Amino acid sequence: MMQSVAVVLMDDFAPFEFGVVCEVFGEDRSEDGVPLLDFRVCGEQAGKQLSLGHGLKVTPEFGLEATEDADLVVVPACDVRDEYPVAVLEALRAASARGATLLSVCTGAFVLGAAGLLDGRRCTNHWRRSAEFRKRFPRARLDPDVLFVDDGDIITSAGTAAGIDACLHLVRRELGSAAATVIARRMVVPPQREGGQRQFVEMPIPECTGDSLQPVLAWMLDTLDREHPVADLARRAQMSGRTFARKFVAETGTTPHRWLSTQRVLHARSLLEETTLGIDEIARRCGFGSGALLRHHFHKVVGVSPQDYRRTFAPQRV
């Protein structure tokens, strides 16, 4: 059973993500049946002030020696930099080597990557940092879409609220569902969101790099509720079917069918956010034909059902 937690801080760490870790693992909820954990806040040196930005300073009580026997070592989000303190990276490697569990929140994954701990491992990070992360750590198996990844002794999470999900998941895994539910109720957050749920990233309409297909793409967007056989699209573009399909992939990066399906999901997402239309009517306007087909494609792209998405993102109407 997990009994001790060490949080490793560096200058310019993110206060919210650090607060999440403190709230989940550092509060005494033994009266509610949650085991009390030995919680340690560590810096490179005990008693040396660290900056949070915003004119704030924090003084860790412990140095990195407090990570040497911790069951869980956590790296909250911090500024991404070219180099991290050598002592911090060595402490993380040592913790991993002796079998401790490591957890990163948001950009904390960059620190684990710099320590060489994510090579060949499944992981995630904030979607806005995906390209930079891949460039720095090409051997890591990054999934930029999900909320968190549990890869056994290493858990990585996406930004901010996804850190809550990852921390509660680890509590559930190590201390049981009852403990996780108590903590979630005290934090007034959902007790469980699956790690495979998609990050709600912006998905702008893809733009082709040439001019020849722009009129066809614009027409498709204006007529999402219609059927669009490739043969008809090719005639509109004044090309053979084979040439059209090849040029479409070259300019948009995907097939006509997939491009159209994604645009229909994007339109459905907007209608869910901005209208009170029923699912069947949204499906009709987006060209899916049925609510069942809309649910299938929407969940495939966004990671949740249309109803769950609307509950999360539609403004409350009175």
C-alpha atoms as a PDB file:
ATOM      1  CA  MET A   1       0.000   0.000   0.000  1.00  0.00           C
ATOM      2  CA  MET A   2       1.162   3.514  -0.791  1.00  0.00           C
ATOM      3  CA  GLN A   3       2.272   5.188   2.440  1.00  0.00           C
ATOM      4  CA  SER A   4       4.621   8.038   1.510  1.00  0.00           C
ATOM      5  CA  VAL A   5       4.597  10.745  -1.144  1.00  0.00           C
ATOM      6  CA  ALA A   6       7.425  13.108  -2.111  1.00  0.00           C
ATOM      7  CA  VAL A   7       6.702  16.115  -4.341  1.00  0.00           C
ATOM      8  CA  VAL A   8       9.720  17.490  -6.194  1.00  0.00           C
ATOM      9  CA  LEU A   9       9.645  21.236  -6.858  1.00  0.00           C
ATOM     10  CA  MET A  10      11.870  23.486  -8.943  1.00  0.00           C
ATOM     11  CA  ASP A  11      11.834  27.211  -9.618  1.00  0.00           C
ATOM     12  CA  ASP A  12       8.846  28.473 -11.608  1.00  0.00           C
ATOM     13  CA  PHE A  13       6.594  25.526 -10.830  1.00  0.00           C
ATOM     14  CA  ALA A  14       2.843  25.892 -11.387  1.00  0.00           C
ATOM     15  CA  PRO A  15       0.963  26.628  -8.151  1.00  0.00           C
ATOM     16  CA  PHE A  16      -2.346  25.140  -9.250  1.00  0.00           C
ATOM     17  CA  GLU A  17      -0.891  21.773 -10.229  1.00  0.00           C
ATOM     18  CA  PHE A  18       1.160  21.723  -7.023  1.00  0.00           C
ATOM     19  CA  GLY A  19      -2.006  22.525  -5.078  1.00  0.00           C
ATOM     20  CA  VAL A  20      -3.803  19.595  -6.720  1.00  0.00           C
ATOM     21  CA  VAL A  21      -1.114  17.207  -5.513  1.00  0.00           C
ATOM     22  CA  CYS A  22      -1.271  18.663  -2.002  1.00  0.00           C
ATOM     23  CA  GLU A  23      -5.066  18.438  -1.931  1.00  0.00           C
ATOM     24  CA  VAL A  24      -5.201  14.803  -3.044  1.00  0.00           C
ATOM     25  CA  PHE A  25      -2.222  13.352  -1.176  1.00  0.00           C
ATOM     26  CA  GLY A  26      -1.355  15.845   1.567  1.00  0.00           C
ATOM     27  CA  GLU A  27      -4.610  16.422   3.459  1.00  0.00           C
ATOM     28  CA  ASP A  28      -5.453  14.479   6.602  1.00  0.00           C
ATOM     29  CA  ARG A  29      -8.752  12.725   5.898  1.00  0.00           C
ATOM     30  CA  SER A  30      -8.239   9.854   8.306  1.00  0.00           C
ATOM     31  CA  GLU A  31     -11.531  10.696  10.052  1.00  0.00           C
ATOM     32  CA  ASP A  32     -13.252   9.819   6.781  1.00  0.00           C
ATOM     33  CA  GLY A  33     -11.412   6.531   6.495  1.00  0.00           C
ATOM     34  CA  VAL A  34      -8.674   7.662   4.101  1.00  0.00           C
ATOM     35  CA  PRO A  35      -5.205   6.466   5.174  1.00  0.00           C
ATOM     36  CA  LEU A  36      -2.929   9.317   6.247  1.00  0.00           C
ATOM     37  CA  LEU A  37       0.080   9.577   3.958  1.00  0.00           C
ATOM     38  CA  ASP A  38       3.580  10.712   4.850  1.00  0.00           C
ATOM     39  CA  PHE A  39       3.634  13.783   2.607  1.00  0.00           C
ATOM     40  CA  ARG A  40       6.888  15.588   1.852  1.00  0.00           C
ATOM     41  CA  VAL A  41       7.514  18.723  -0.203  1.00  0.00           C
ATOM     42  CA  CYS A  42      11.045  18.586  -1.566  1.00  0.00           C
ATOM     43  CA  GLY A  43      13.415  20.977  -3.267  1.00  0.00           C
ATOM     44  CA  GLU A  44      16.928  20.473  -4.494  1.00  0.00           C
ATOM     45  CA  GLN A  45      17.989  21.750  -1.070  1.00  0.00           C
ATOM     46  CA  ALA A  46      15.923  21.792   2.110  1.00  0.00           C
ATOM     47  CA  GLY A  47      15.045  25.306   3.247  1.00  0.00           C
ATOM     48  CA  LYS A  48      16.006  27.007  -0.041  1.00  0.00           C
ATOM     49  CA  GLN A  49      13.290  29.296  -1.397  1.00  0.00           C
ATOM     50  CA  LEU A  50      11.756  28.537  -4.787  1.00  0.00           C
ATOM     51  CA  SER A  51       9.835  30.924  -7.009  1.00  0.00           C
ATOM     52  CA  LEU A  52       6.269  30.286  -8.142  1.00  0.00           C
ATOM     53  CA  GLY A  53       6.151  33.388 -10.276  1.00  0.00           C
ATOM     54  CA  HIS A  54       3.504  36.008  -9.443  1.00  0.00           C
ATOM     55  CA  GLY A  55       5.875  37.337  -6.783  1.00  0.00           C
ATOM     56  CA  LEU A  56       5.406  34.284  -4.570  1.00  0.00           C
ATOM     57  CA  LYS A  57       8.029  32.127  -2.871  1.00  0.00           C
ATOM     58  CA  VAL A  58       7.848  28.663  -1.298  1.00  0.00           C
ATOM     59  CA  THR A  59      10.395  27.087   1.032  1.00  0.00           C
ATOM     60  CA  PRO A  60      10.428  23.262   0.824  1.00  0.00           C
ATOM     61  CA  GLU A  61      10.941  21.569   4.156  1.00  0.00           C
ATOM     62  CA  PHE A  62      12.820  18.624   2.642  1.00  0.00           C
ATOM     63  CA  GLY A  63      15.692  18.116   0.245  1.00  0.00           C
ATOM     64  CA  LEU A  64      15.908  15.427  -2.411  1.00  0.00           C
ATOM     65  CA  GLU A  65      16.978  12.842   0.164  1.00  0.00           C
ATOM     66  CA  ALA A  66      13.299  12.646   1.121  1.00  0.00           C
ATOM     67  CA  THR A  67      12.604  10.958  -2.213  1.00  0.00           C
ATOM     68  CA  GLU A  68      14.902   8.040  -1.425  1.00  0.00           C
ATOM     69  CA  ASP A  69      12.265   5.917   0.324  1.00  0.00           C
ATOM     70  CA  ALA A  70       9.024   7.478  -0.930  1.00  0.00           C
ATOM     71  CA  ASP A  71       6.462   5.138  -2.469  1.00  0.00           C
ATOM     72  CA  LEU A  72       5.310   7.874  -4.851  1.00  0.00           C
ATOM     73  CA  VAL A  73       7.399  10.689  -6.320  1.00  0.00           C
ATOM     74  CA  VAL A  74       5.431  13.493  -8.002  1.00  0.00           C
ATOM     75  CA  VAL A  75       6.634  16.141 -10.451  1.00  0.00           C
ATOM     76  CA  PRO A  76       4.072  18.946 -10.852  1.00  0.00           C
ATOM     77  CA  ALA A  77       4.010  21.268 -13.846  1.00  0.00           C
ATOM     78  CA  CYS A  78       6.873  23.713 -14.207  1.00  0.00           C
ATOM     79  CA  ASP A  79       8.409  25.903 -16.876  1.00  0.00           C
ATOM     80  CA  VAL A  80       9.801  23.906 -19.776  1.00  0.00           C
ATOM     81  CA  ARG A  81      13.518  24.578 -20.048  1.00  0.00           C
ATOM     82  CA  ASP A  82      16.532  23.299 -21.917  1.00  0.00           C
ATOM     83  CA  GLU A  83      18.178  21.882 -18.791  1.00  0.00           C
ATOM     84  CA  TYR A  84      16.891  20.685 -15.432  1.00  0.00           C
ATOM     85  CA  PRO A  85      18.921  20.358 -12.234  1.00  0.00           C
ATOM     86  CA  VAL A  86      21.153  17.304 -12.481  1.00  0.00           C
ATOM     87  CA  ALA A  87      20.424  16.360  -8.872  1.00  0.00           C
ATOM     88  CA  VAL A  88      16.668  16.317  -9.566  1.00  0.00           C
ATOM     89  CA  LEU A  89      17.081  14.065 -12.616  1.00  0.00           C
ATOM     90  CA  GLU A  90      19.339  11.703 -10.666  1.00  0.00           C
ATOM     91  CA  ALA A  91      16.821  11.526  -7.817  1.00  0.00           C
ATOM     92  CA  LEU A  92      14.039  10.612 -10.257  1.00  0.00           C
ATOM     93  CA  ARG A  93      16.171   7.938 -11.903  1.00  0.00           C
ATOM     94  CA  ALA A  94      17.037   6.478  -8.520  1.00  0.00           C
ATOM     95  CA  ALA A  95      13.390   6.438  -7.453  1.00  0.00           C
ATOM     96  CA  SER A  96      12.404   4.652 -10.640  1.00  0.00           C
ATOM     97  CA  ALA A  97      15.244   2.146 -10.338  1.00  0.00           C
ATOM     98  CA  ARG A  98      14.202   1.078  -6.840  1.00  0.00           C
ATOM     99  CA  GLY A  99      10.577   0.587  -7.914  1.00  0.00           C
ATOM    100  CA  ALA A 100       8.839   3.755  -6.747  1.00  0.00           C
ATOM    101  CA  THR A 101       5.839   5.045  -8.694  1.00  0.00           C
ATOM    102  CA  LEU A 102       6.386   8.327 -10.545  1.00  0.00           C
ATOM    103  CA  LEU A 103       3.589  10.754 -11.389  1.00  0.00           C
ATOM    104  CA  SER A 104       3.853  13.891 -13.509  1.00  0.00           C
ATOM    105  CA  VAL A 105       1.253  16.618 -13.956  1.00  0.00           C
ATOM    106  CA  CYS A 106       1.172  18.483 -17.274  1.00  0.00           C
ATOM    107  CA  THR A 107       4.666  19.732 -18.201  1.00  0.00           C
ATOM    108  CA  GLY A 108       6.177  17.675 -15.403  1.00  0.00           C
ATOM    109  CA  ALA A 109       6.435  15.006 -18.102  1.00  0.00           C
ATOM    110  CA  PHE A 110       9.273  17.028 -19.642  1.00  0.00           C
ATOM    111  CA  VAL A 111      11.284  16.450 -16.468  1.00  0.00           C
ATOM    112  CA  LEU A 112      10.656  12.703 -16.590  1.00  0.00           C
ATOM    113  CA  GLY A 113      11.612  12.754 -20.255  1.00  0.00           C
ATOM    114  CA  ALA A 114      14.822  14.650 -19.514  1.00  0.00           C
ATOM    115  CA  ALA A 115      15.671  11.968 -16.940  1.00  0.00           C
ATOM    116  CA  GLY A 116      15.354   9.347 -19.697  1.00  0.00           C
ATOM    117  CA  LEU A 117      12.448   7.642 -17.949  1.00  0.00           C
ATOM    118  CA  LEU A 118       9.923   7.861 -20.794  1.00  0.00           C
ATOM    119  CA  ASP A 119      11.948   6.159 -23.536  1.00  0.00           C
ATOM    120  CA  GLY A 120       9.736   3.449 -24.971  1.00  0.00           C
ATOM    121  CA  ARG A 121       6.982   4.261 -22.456  1.00  0.00           C
ATOM    122  CA  ARG A 122       3.401   5.344 -23.070  1.00  0.00           C
ATOM    123  CA  CYS A 123       2.794   8.862 -21.790  1.00  0.00           C
ATOM    124  CA  THR A 124       0.842  12.066 -22.314  1.00  0.00           C
ATOM    125  CA  ASN A 125       1.226  15.781 -21.810  1.00  0.00           C
ATOM    126  CA  HIS A 126      -0.706  18.994 -22.456  1.00  0.00           C
ATOM    127  CA  TRP A 127      -1.822  18.972 -26.095  1.00  0.00           C
ATOM    128  CA  ARG A 128      -0.250  22.379 -26.787  1.00  0.00           C
ATOM    129  CA  ARG A 129       3.189  20.970 -25.972  1.00  0.00           C
ATOM    130  CA  SER A 130       2.898  17.825 -28.078  1.00  0.00           C
ATOM    131  CA  ALA A 131       5.087  18.882 -30.998  1.00  0.00           C
ATOM    132  CA  GLU A 132       7.827  20.178 -28.694  1.00  0.00           C
ATOM    133  CA  PHE A 133       7.640  17.056 -26.548  1.00  0.00           C
ATOM    134  CA  ARG A 134       8.011  14.747 -29.564  1.00  0.00           C
ATOM    135  CA  LYS A 135      10.970  16.749 -30.813  1.00  0.00           C
ATOM    136  CA  ARG A 136      12.764  16.496 -27.478  1.00  0.00           C
ATOM    137  CA  PHE A 137      11.839  12.917 -26.661  1.00  0.00           C
ATOM    138  CA  PRO A 138      11.300  11.011 -29.915  1.00  0.00           C
ATOM    139  CA  ARG A 139      11.574   7.621 -28.196  1.00  0.00           C
ATOM    140  CA  ALA A 140       8.635   8.303 -25.870  1.00  0.00           C
ATOM    141  CA  ARG A 141       5.283   6.855 -26.977  1.00  0.00           C
ATOM    142  CA  LEU A 142       3.261  10.057 -26.641  1.00  0.00           C
ATOM    143  CA  ASP A 143      -0.537  10.011 -26.811  1.00  0.00           C
ATOM    144  CA  PRO A 144      -1.449  13.715 -26.982  1.00  0.00           C
ATOM    145  CA  ASP A 145      -5.219  13.235 -26.836  1.00  0.00           C
ATOM    146  CA  VAL A 146      -5.937  11.503 -23.536  1.00  0.00           C
ATOM    147  CA  LEU A 147      -6.341  12.876 -20.007  1.00  0.00           C
ATOM    148  CA  PHE A 148      -3.737  10.620 -18.430  1.00  0.00           C
ATOM    149  CA  VAL A 149      -1.756   7.457 -19.077  1.00  0.00           C
ATOM    150  CA  ASP A 150      -1.181   4.770 -16.452  1.00  0.00           C
ATOM    151  CA  ASP A 151       1.878   2.843 -17.595  1.00  0.00           C
ATOM    152  CA  GLY A 152       2.357   0.939 -14.372  1.00  0.00           C
ATOM    153  CA  ASP A 153       5.067   2.614 -12.336  1.00  0.00           C
ATOM    154  CA  ILE A 154       4.857   5.854 -14.353  1.00  0.00           C
ATOM    155  CA  ILE A 155       1.689   7.925 -14.639  1.00  0.00           C
ATOM    156  CA  THR A 156       1.597  11.061 -16.778  1.00  0.00           C
ATOM    157  CA  SER A 157      -1.269  13.508 -17.135  1.00  0.00           C
ATOM    158  CA  ALA A 158      -2.375  16.364 -19.341  1.00  0.00           C
ATOM    159  CA  GLY A 159      -2.959  19.913 -18.142  1.00  0.00           C
ATOM    160  CA  THR A 160      -4.547  21.219 -14.967  1.00  0.00           C
ATOM    161  CA  ALA A 161      -7.813  19.348 -14.311  1.00  0.00           C
ATOM    162  CA  ALA A 162      -6.431  16.175 -15.897  1.00  0.00           C
ATOM    163  CA  GLY A 163      -3.905  16.169 -13.064  1.00  0.00           C
ATOM    164  CA  ILE A 164      -6.802  15.772 -10.642  1.00  0.00           C
ATOM    165  CA  ASP A 165      -8.030  12.790 -12.660  1.00  0.00           C
ATOM    166  CA  ALA A 166      -4.593  11.166 -12.636  1.00  0.00           C
ATOM    167  CA  CYS A 167      -4.120  11.697  -8.883  1.00  0.00           C
ATOM    168  CA  LEU A 168      -7.551  10.296  -8.045  1.00  0.00           C
ATOM    169  CA  HIS A 169      -6.932   7.362 -10.376  1.00  0.00           C
ATOM    170  CA  LEU A 170      -3.734   6.552  -8.500  1.00  0.00           C
ATOM    171  CA  VAL A 171      -5.545   6.800  -5.150  1.00  0.00           C
ATOM    172  CA  ARG A 172      -8.199   4.434  -6.471  1.00  0.00           C
ATOM    173  CA  ARG A 173      -5.542   2.035  -7.737  1.00  0.00           C
ATOM    174  CA  GLU A 174      -3.475   2.034  -4.547  1.00  0.00           C
ATOM    175  CA  LEU A 175      -5.930   2.813  -1.733  1.00  0.00           C
ATOM    176  CA  GLY A 176      -9.280   1.747  -3.179  1.00  0.00           C
ATOM    177  CA  SER A 177     -12.404   3.320  -4.650  1.00  0.00           C
ATOM    178  CA  ALA A 178     -13.798   4.382  -1.271  1.00  0.00           C
ATOM    179  CA  ALA A 179     -10.769   6.563  -0.547  1.00  0.00           C
ATOM    180  CA  ALA A 180     -10.871   8.125  -4.016  1.00  0.00           C
ATOM    181  CA  THR A 181     -14.587   8.857  -3.682  1.00  0.00           C
ATOM    182  CA  VAL A 182     -14.101  10.560  -0.307  1.00  0.00           C
ATOM    183  CA  ILE A 183     -11.348  12.783  -1.669  1.00  0.00           C
ATOM    184  CA  ALA A 184     -13.316  13.637  -4.814  1.00  0.00           C
ATOM    185  CA  ARG A 185     -16.382  14.540  -2.764  1.00  0.00           C
ATOM    186  CA  ARG A 186     -14.319  16.845  -0.558  1.00  0.00           C
ATOM    187  CA  MET A 187     -12.811  18.469  -3.674  1.00  0.00           C
ATOM    188  CA  VAL A 188     -16.244  18.669  -5.344  1.00  0.00           C
ATOM    189  CA  VAL A 189     -15.022  16.998  -8.539  1.00  0.00           C
ATOM    190  CA  PRO A 190     -16.150  13.885 -10.426  1.00  0.00           C
ATOM    191  CA  PRO A 191     -14.763  10.794  -8.686  1.00  0.00           C
ATOM    192  CA  GLN A 192     -13.666   9.203 -11.949  1.00  0.00           C
ATOM    193  CA  ARG A 193     -12.948  10.262 -15.499  1.00  0.00           C
ATOM    194  CA  GLU A 194     -11.282   7.568 -17.532  1.00  0.00           C
ATOM    195  CA  GLY A 195      -7.775   8.315 -18.733  1.00  0.00           C
ATOM    196  CA  GLY A 196      -8.730   7.500 -22.309  1.00  0.00           C
ATOM    197  CA  GLN A 197     -11.170  10.420 -22.481  1.00  0.00           C
ATOM    198  CA  ARG A 198      -9.943  12.977 -24.984  1.00  0.00           C
ATOM    199  CA  GLN A 199      -8.480  16.305 -24.011  1.00  0.00           C
ATOM    200  CA  PHE A 200     -10.920  18.930 -25.245  1.00  0.00           C
ATOM    201  CA  VAL A 201      -8.527  20.490 -27.723  1.00  0.00           C
ATOM    202  CA  GLU A 202      -9.389  22.971 -30.416  1.00  0.00           C
ATOM    203  CA  MET A 203      -9.816  21.200 -33.753  1.00  0.00           C
ATOM    204  CA  PRO A 204      -9.702  23.915 -36.419  1.00  0.00           C
ATOM    205  CA  ILE A 205     -10.979  23.158 -39.885  1.00  0.00           C
ATOM    206  CA  PRO A 206      -8.024  21.811 -41.881  1.00  0.00           C
ATOM    207  CA  GLU A 207      -6.857  24.041 -44.696  1.00  0.00           C
ATOM    208  CA  CYS A 208      -5.410  22.611 -47.870  1.00  0.00           C
ATOM    209  CA  THR A 209      -2.063  23.965 -48.963  1.00  0.00           C
ATOM    210  CA  GLY A 210      -3.045  24.571 -52.567  1.00  0.00           C
ATOM    211  CA  ASP A 211      -5.853  26.473 -54.231  1.00  0.00           C
ATOM    212  CA  SER A 212      -7.356  23.862 -56.486  1.00  0.00           C
ATOM    213  CA  LEU A 213      -9.557  22.109 -53.909  1.00  0.00           C
ATOM    214  CA  GLN A 214     -10.625  25.156 -51.893  1.00  0.00           C
ATOM    215  CA  PRO A 215     -13.911  25.648 -53.768  1.00  0.00           C
ATOM    216  CA  VAL A 216     -14.791  21.990 -53.326  1.00  0.00           C
ATOM    217  CA  LEU A 217     -13.927  22.032 -49.622  1.00  0.00           C
ATOM    218  CA  ALA A 218     -15.981  25.173 -49.067  1.00  0.00           C
ATOM    219  CA  TRP A 219     -18.928  23.615 -50.868  1.00  0.00           C
ATOM    220  CA  MET A 220     -18.664  20.445 -48.779  1.00  0.00           C
ATOM    221  CA  LEU A 221     -18.704  22.528 -45.577  1.00  0.00           C
ATOM    222  CA  ASP A 222     -21.792  24.386 -46.764  1.00  0.00           C
ATOM    223  CA  THR A 223     -23.591  21.116 -47.584  1.00  0.00           C
ATOM    224  CA  LEU A 224     -22.626  18.811 -44.716  1.00  0.00           C
ATOM    225  CA  ASP A 225     -26.172  17.449 -44.579  1.00  0.00           C
ATOM    226  CA  ARG A 226     -25.858  15.948 -48.078  1.00  0.00           C
ATOM    227  CA  GLU A 227     -24.201  12.773 -49.289  1.00  0.00           C
ATOM    228  CA  HIS A 228     -20.841  13.372 -50.965  1.00  0.00           C
ATOM    229  CA  PRO A 229     -19.667  10.389 -53.058  1.00  0.00           C
ATOM    230  CA  VAL A 230     -16.063  10.760 -54.163  1.00  0.00           C
ATOM    231  CA  ALA A 231     -17.121  10.433 -57.791  1.00  0.00           C
ATOM    232  CA  ASP A 232     -19.397  13.491 -57.457  1.00  0.00           C
ATOM    233  CA  LEU A 233     -16.664  15.486 -55.714  1.00  0.00           C
ATOM    234  CA  ALA A 234     -14.189  14.552 -58.434  1.00  0.00           C
ATOM    235  CA  ARG A 235     -16.579  15.773 -61.139  1.00  0.00           C
ATOM    236  CA  ARG A 236     -17.045  19.051 -59.292  1.00  0.00           C
ATOM    237  CA  ALA A 237     -13.246  19.423 -59.130  1.00  0.00           C
ATOM    238  CA  GLN A 238     -13.040  18.433 -62.823  1.00  0.00           C
ATOM    239  CA  MET A 239     -10.706  15.539 -62.089  1.00  0.00           C
ATOM    240  CA  SER A 240     -10.768  11.789 -62.407  1.00  0.00           C
ATOM    241  CA  GLY A 241     -11.717   9.926 -59.246  1.00  0.00           C
ATOM    242  CA  ARG A 242      -8.193   8.578 -58.767  1.00  0.00           C
ATOM    243  CA  THR A 243      -6.543  11.965 -59.300  1.00  0.00           C
ATOM    244  CA  PHE A 244      -8.998  13.679 -56.970  1.00  0.00           C
ATOM    245  CA  ALA A 245      -8.445  11.150 -54.170  1.00  0.00           C
ATOM    246  CA  ARG A 246      -4.665  11.431 -54.471  1.00  0.00           C
ATOM    247  CA  LYS A 247      -4.716  15.249 -54.551  1.00  0.00           C
ATOM    248  CA  PHE A 248      -7.155  15.397 -51.628  1.00  0.00           C
ATOM    249  CA  VAL A 249      -4.815  13.379 -49.409  1.00  0.00           C
ATOM    250  CA  ALA A 250      -1.821  15.427 -50.525  1.00  0.00           C
ATOM    251  CA  GLU A 251      -3.498  18.735 -49.691  1.00  0.00           C
ATOM    252  CA  THR A 252      -5.485  17.902 -46.558  1.00  0.00           C
ATOM    253  CA  GLY A 253      -3.503  15.014 -45.091  1.00  0.00           C
ATOM    254  CA  THR A 254      -6.473  12.649 -45.025  1.00  0.00           C
ATOM    255  CA  THR A 255      -9.113  10.982 -47.194  1.00  0.00           C
ATOM    256  CA  PRO A 256     -12.327  12.711 -48.321  1.00  0.00           C
ATOM    257  CA  HIS A 257     -14.397  10.390 -46.120  1.00  0.00           C
ATOM    258  CA  ARG A 258     -12.370  11.067 -42.985  1.00  0.00           C
ATOM    259  CA  TRP A 259     -12.155  14.794 -43.651  1.00  0.00           C
ATOM    260  CA  LEU A 260     -15.902  15.027 -44.110  1.00  0.00           C
ATOM    261  CA  SER A 261     -16.592  12.947 -40.999  1.00  0.00           C
ATOM    262  CA  THR A 262     -14.348  15.206 -38.906  1.00  0.00           C
ATOM    263  CA  GLN A 263     -16.040  18.359 -40.207  1.00  0.00           C
ATOM    264  CA  ARG A 264     -19.432  16.877 -39.367  1.00  0.00           C
ATOM    265  CA  VAL A 265     -18.278  16.170 -35.825  1.00  0.00           C
ATOM    266  CA  LEU A 266     -16.939  19.722 -35.502  1.00  0.00           C
ATOM    267  CA  HIS A 267     -20.265  21.116 -36.674  1.00  0.00           C
ATOM    268  CA  ALA A 268     -22.127  18.842 -34.249  1.00  0.00           C
ATOM    269  CA  ARG A 269     -19.884  20.071 -31.457  1.00  0.00           C
ATOM    270  CA  SER A 270     -20.802  23.677 -32.238  1.00  0.00           C
ATOM    271  CA  LEU A 271     -24.519  22.855 -32.322  1.00  0.00           C
ATOM    272  CA  LEU A 272     -24.259  21.050 -28.983  1.00  0.00           C
ATOM    273  CA  GLU A 273     -22.586  24.107 -27.460  1.00  0.00           C
ATOM    274  CA  GLU A 274     -24.763  26.787 -29.016  1.00  0.00           C
ATOM    275  CA  THR A 275     -28.261  25.306 -29.457  1.00  0.00           C
ATOM    276  CA  THR A 276     -30.840  23.191 -27.652  1.00  0.00           C
ATOM    277  CA  LEU A 277     -31.487  21.011 -30.706  1.00  0.00           C
ATOM    278  CA  GLY A 278     -32.080  17.330 -30.048  1.00  0.00           C
ATOM    279  CA  ILE A 279     -29.493  14.728 -30.977  1.00  0.00           C
ATOM    280  CA  ASP A 280     -31.487  13.414 -33.956  1.00  0.00           C
ATOM    281  CA  GLU A 281     -31.924  16.905 -35.411  1.00  0.00           C
ATOM    282  CA  ILE A 282     -28.226  17.660 -34.956  1.00  0.00           C
ATOM    283  CA  ALA A 283     -27.419  14.381 -36.676  1.00  0.00           C
ATOM    284  CA  ARG A 284     -29.632  15.330 -39.604  1.00  0.00           C
ATOM    285  CA  ARG A 285     -28.092  18.798 -39.979  1.00  0.00           C
ATOM    286  CA  CYS A 286     -24.579  17.394 -39.845  1.00  0.00           C
ATOM    287  CA  GLY A 287     -25.201  14.652 -42.378  1.00  0.00           C
ATOM    288  CA  PHE A 288     -24.960  11.658 -40.049  1.00  0.00           C
ATOM    289  CA  GLY A 289     -28.536  10.610 -40.724  1.00  0.00           C
ATOM    290  CA  SER A 290     -29.252   9.161 -37.292  1.00  0.00           C
ATOM    291  CA  GLY A 291     -28.503   9.870 -33.654  1.00  0.00           C
ATOM    292  CA  ALA A 292     -26.797   6.491 -33.340  1.00  0.00           C
ATOM    293  CA  LEU A 293     -24.365   7.294 -36.149  1.00  0.00           C
ATOM    294  CA  LEU A 294     -23.658  10.728 -34.656  1.00  0.00           C
ATOM    295  CA  ARG A 295     -22.930   9.175 -31.253  1.00  0.00           C
ATOM    296  CA  HIS A 296     -20.539   6.672 -32.814  1.00  0.00           C
ATOM    297  CA  HIS A 297     -18.489   9.223 -34.750  1.00  0.00           C
ATOM    298  CA  PHE A 298     -18.613  11.880 -32.023  1.00  0.00           C
ATOM    299  CA  HIS A 299     -17.280   9.498 -29.380  1.00  0.00           C
ATOM    300  CA  LYS A 300     -14.578   8.302 -31.764  1.00  0.00           C
ATOM    301  CA  VAL A 301     -13.292  11.850 -32.370  1.00  0.00           C
ATOM    302  CA  VAL A 302     -14.015  13.634 -29.072  1.00  0.00           C
ATOM    303  CA  GLY A 303     -13.868  10.719 -26.641  1.00  0.00           C
ATOM    304  CA  VAL A 304     -17.206  11.313 -24.894  1.00  0.00           C
ATOM    305  CA  SER A 305     -20.851  11.072 -25.896  1.00  0.00           C
ATOM    306  CA  PRO A 306     -22.689  14.092 -27.358  1.00  0.00           C
ATOM    307  CA  GLN A 307     -24.845  14.279 -24.217  1.00  0.00           C
ATOM    308  CA  ASP A 308     -21.810  14.355 -21.918  1.00  0.00           C
ATOM    309  CA  TYR A 309     -20.136  16.972 -24.092  1.00  0.00           C
ATOM    310  CA  ARG A 310     -23.225  19.188 -23.984  1.00  0.00           C
ATOM    311  CA  ARG A 311     -23.475  18.899 -20.195  1.00  0.00           C
ATOM    312  CA  THR A 312     -19.861  20.012 -19.903  1.00  0.00           C
ATOM    313  CA  PHE A 313     -19.677  22.794 -22.472  1.00  0.00           C
ATOM    314  CA  ALA A 314     -23.156  24.139 -23.203  1.00  0.00           C
ATOM    315  CA  PRO A 315     -23.997  27.283 -21.199  1.00  0.00           C
ATOM    316  CA  GLN A 316     -26.577  26.799 -18.478  1.00  0.00           C
ATOM    317  CA  ARG A 317     -29.912  28.121 -19.660  1.00  0.00           C
ATOM    318  CA  VAL A 318     -32.590  29.361 -17.300  1.00  0.00           C
END
